[in-house]
Every structure is written in structure tokens, then in C-alpha cells.
Amino acid sequence: MTDKNNHGLGKPWTTTELSEASGVSMQYIGRLLNQGRLRGQKIGHMWAIPDSEAQRFIEEREGEKRKDHA
């Protein structure tokens, strides 16, 4: 099974993938990761964001967009 972004379930996300899927900048995602507000693991110079955390973040962003347009 895959999500709407054709991202395999369970596969970690990169900041680039999450940025494209959520509509926020890679810098913002990096800031959230560094602040501990978004869960991920730094591997070398790249972040690996668990699929469940990425899906939660995307759903949260979509909820905020719906609220803004209500």
C-alpha cells in the first residue's frame, strides 16, 4: 500500500520529500527537526523522517489549510 504521494508505507522520508508533499520549505522542516518538534534521525548530513511522523505532519498541515479556508 502507498499513500497519495506514492511513497511506500514504512519507508523513511527525506526533508525534500516531506517538503514537496506538505508544501512547506525544506528549511522549515529542518528547523522543526532541530527543535525536536518533528521526529527524525540524522544520518550523516541528511534526515530520515519516519513514515508515521511524515503522515502525521502532512495531515496536520492539511487540517490547518482547511481551517484557514473555513
C-alpha atoms as a PDB file:
ATOM      1  CA  MET A   1       0.000   0.000   0.000  1.00  0.00           C
ATOM      2  CA  THR A   2       1.208   3.542  -0.751  1.00  0.00           C
ATOM      3  CA  ASP A   3      -0.006   6.987   0.234  1.00  0.00           C
ATOM      4  CA  LYS A   4      -1.225   9.686  -2.131  1.00  0.00           C
ATOM      5  CA  ASN A   5       2.358  10.795  -2.799  1.00  0.00           C
ATOM      6  CA  ASN A   6       3.321   7.296  -3.991  1.00  0.00           C
ATOM      7  CA  HIS A   7       5.646   6.992  -1.037  1.00  0.00           C
ATOM      8  CA  GLY A   8       5.958   3.407   0.208  1.00  0.00           C
ATOM      9  CA  LEU A   9       4.461   2.893   3.643  1.00  0.00           C
ATOM     10  CA  GLY A  10       7.119   2.407   6.263  1.00  0.00           C
ATOM     11  CA  LYS A  11       9.872   3.968   4.145  1.00  0.00           C
ATOM     12  CA  PRO A  12      11.600   6.942   5.820  1.00  0.00           C
ATOM     13  CA  TRP A  13      11.073  10.332   4.210  1.00  0.00           C
ATOM     14  CA  THR A  14      13.742  12.885   3.347  1.00  0.00           C
ATOM     15  CA  THR A  15      13.287  16.592   4.034  1.00  0.00           C
ATOM     16  CA  THR A  16      12.886  17.105   0.263  1.00  0.00           C
ATOM     17  CA  GLU A  17      10.079  14.552   0.001  1.00  0.00           C
ATOM     18  CA  LEU A  18       8.261  15.934   3.032  1.00  0.00           C
ATOM     19  CA  SER A  19       8.694  19.487   1.796  1.00  0.00           C
ATOM     20  CA  GLU A  20       7.135  18.641  -1.564  1.00  0.00           C
ATOM     21  CA  ALA A  21       4.285  16.655  -0.016  1.00  0.00           C
ATOM     22  CA  SER A  22       3.415  19.212   2.664  1.00  0.00           C
ATOM     23  CA  GLY A  23       4.011  22.462   0.797  1.00  0.00           C
ATOM     24  CA  VAL A  24       6.480  23.896   3.310  1.00  0.00           C
ATOM     25  CA  SER A  25      10.159  24.685   2.766  1.00  0.00           C
ATOM     26  CA  MET A  26      12.971  22.251   3.474  1.00  0.00           C
ATOM     27  CA  GLN A  27      14.454  24.881   5.779  1.00  0.00           C
ATOM     28  CA  TYR A  28      11.277  24.952   7.877  1.00  0.00           C
ATOM     29  CA  ILE A  29      11.235  21.160   8.133  1.00  0.00           C
ATOM     30  CA  GLY A  30      14.910  21.198   9.115  1.00  0.00           C
ATOM     31  CA  ARG A  31      14.180  23.779  11.797  1.00  0.00           C
ATOM     32  CA  LEU A  32      11.333  21.634  13.199  1.00  0.00           C
ATOM     33  CA  LEU A  33      13.634  18.592  13.246  1.00  0.00           C
ATOM     34  CA  ASN A  34      16.422  20.501  15.002  1.00  0.00           C
ATOM     35  CA  GLN A  35      13.952  21.836  17.571  1.00  0.00           C
ATOM     36  CA  GLY A  36      12.537  18.355  18.215  1.00  0.00           C
ATOM     37  CA  ARG A  37       9.072  19.410  17.040  1.00  0.00           C
ATOM     38  CA  LEU A  38       9.268  16.871  14.197  1.00  0.00           C
ATOM     39  CA  ARG A  39      10.691  13.413  14.884  1.00  0.00           C
ATOM     40  CA  GLY A  40      13.538  12.170  12.721  1.00  0.00           C
ATOM     41  CA  GLN A  41      17.006  10.707  12.758  1.00  0.00           C
ATOM     42  CA  LYS A  42      20.019  12.470  11.336  1.00  0.00           C
ATOM     43  CA  ILE A  43      22.153  10.161   9.219  1.00  0.00           C
ATOM     44  CA  GLY A  44      25.294  11.986   8.158  1.00  0.00           C
ATOM     45  CA  HIS A  45      24.074  15.307   6.812  1.00  0.00           C
ATOM     46  CA  MET A  46      20.581  14.036   5.896  1.00  0.00           C
ATOM     47  CA  TRP A  47      17.442  13.478   7.942  1.00  0.00           C
ATOM     48  CA  ALA A  48      15.348  10.300   7.873  1.00  0.00           C
ATOM     49  CA  ILE A  49      11.788  11.045   8.976  1.00  0.00           C
ATOM     50  CA  PRO A  50       9.669   8.021   9.939  1.00  0.00           C
ATOM     51  CA  ASP A  51       6.693   7.437   7.633  1.00  0.00           C
ATOM     52  CA  SER A  52       4.232   7.699  10.526  1.00  0.00           C
ATOM     53  CA  GLU A  53       5.680  11.080  11.533  1.00  0.00           C
ATOM     54  CA  ALA A  54       5.610  12.360   7.943  1.00  0.00           C
ATOM     55  CA  GLN A  55       1.975  11.276   7.516  1.00  0.00           C
ATOM     56  CA  ARG A  56       1.040  12.953  10.819  1.00  0.00           C
ATOM     57  CA  PHE A  57       2.740  16.182   9.724  1.00  0.00           C
ATOM     58  CA  ILE A  58       1.013  16.177   6.318  1.00  0.00           C
ATOM     59  CA  GLU A  59      -2.404  15.516   7.875  1.00  0.00           C
ATOM     60  CA  GLU A  60      -1.809  18.287  10.415  1.00  0.00           C
ATOM     61  CA  ARG A  61      -0.871  20.727   7.630  1.00  0.00           C
ATOM     62  CA  GLU A  62      -3.958  19.772   5.594  1.00  0.00           C
ATOM     63  CA  GLY A  63      -6.128  20.329   8.675  1.00  0.00           C
ATOM     64  CA  GLU A  64      -4.632  23.803   9.113  1.00  0.00           C
ATOM     65  CA  LYS A  65      -5.310  24.623   5.449  1.00  0.00           C
ATOM     66  CA  ARG A  66      -8.958  23.519   5.782  1.00  0.00           C
ATOM     67  CA  LYS A  67      -9.341  25.592   8.942  1.00  0.00           C
ATOM     68  CA  ASP A  68      -7.895  28.666   7.180  1.00  0.00           C
ATOM     69  CA  HIS A  69     -10.415  28.318   4.319  1.00  0.00           C
ATOM     70  CA  ALA A  70     -13.466  27.738   6.529  1.00  0.00           C
END
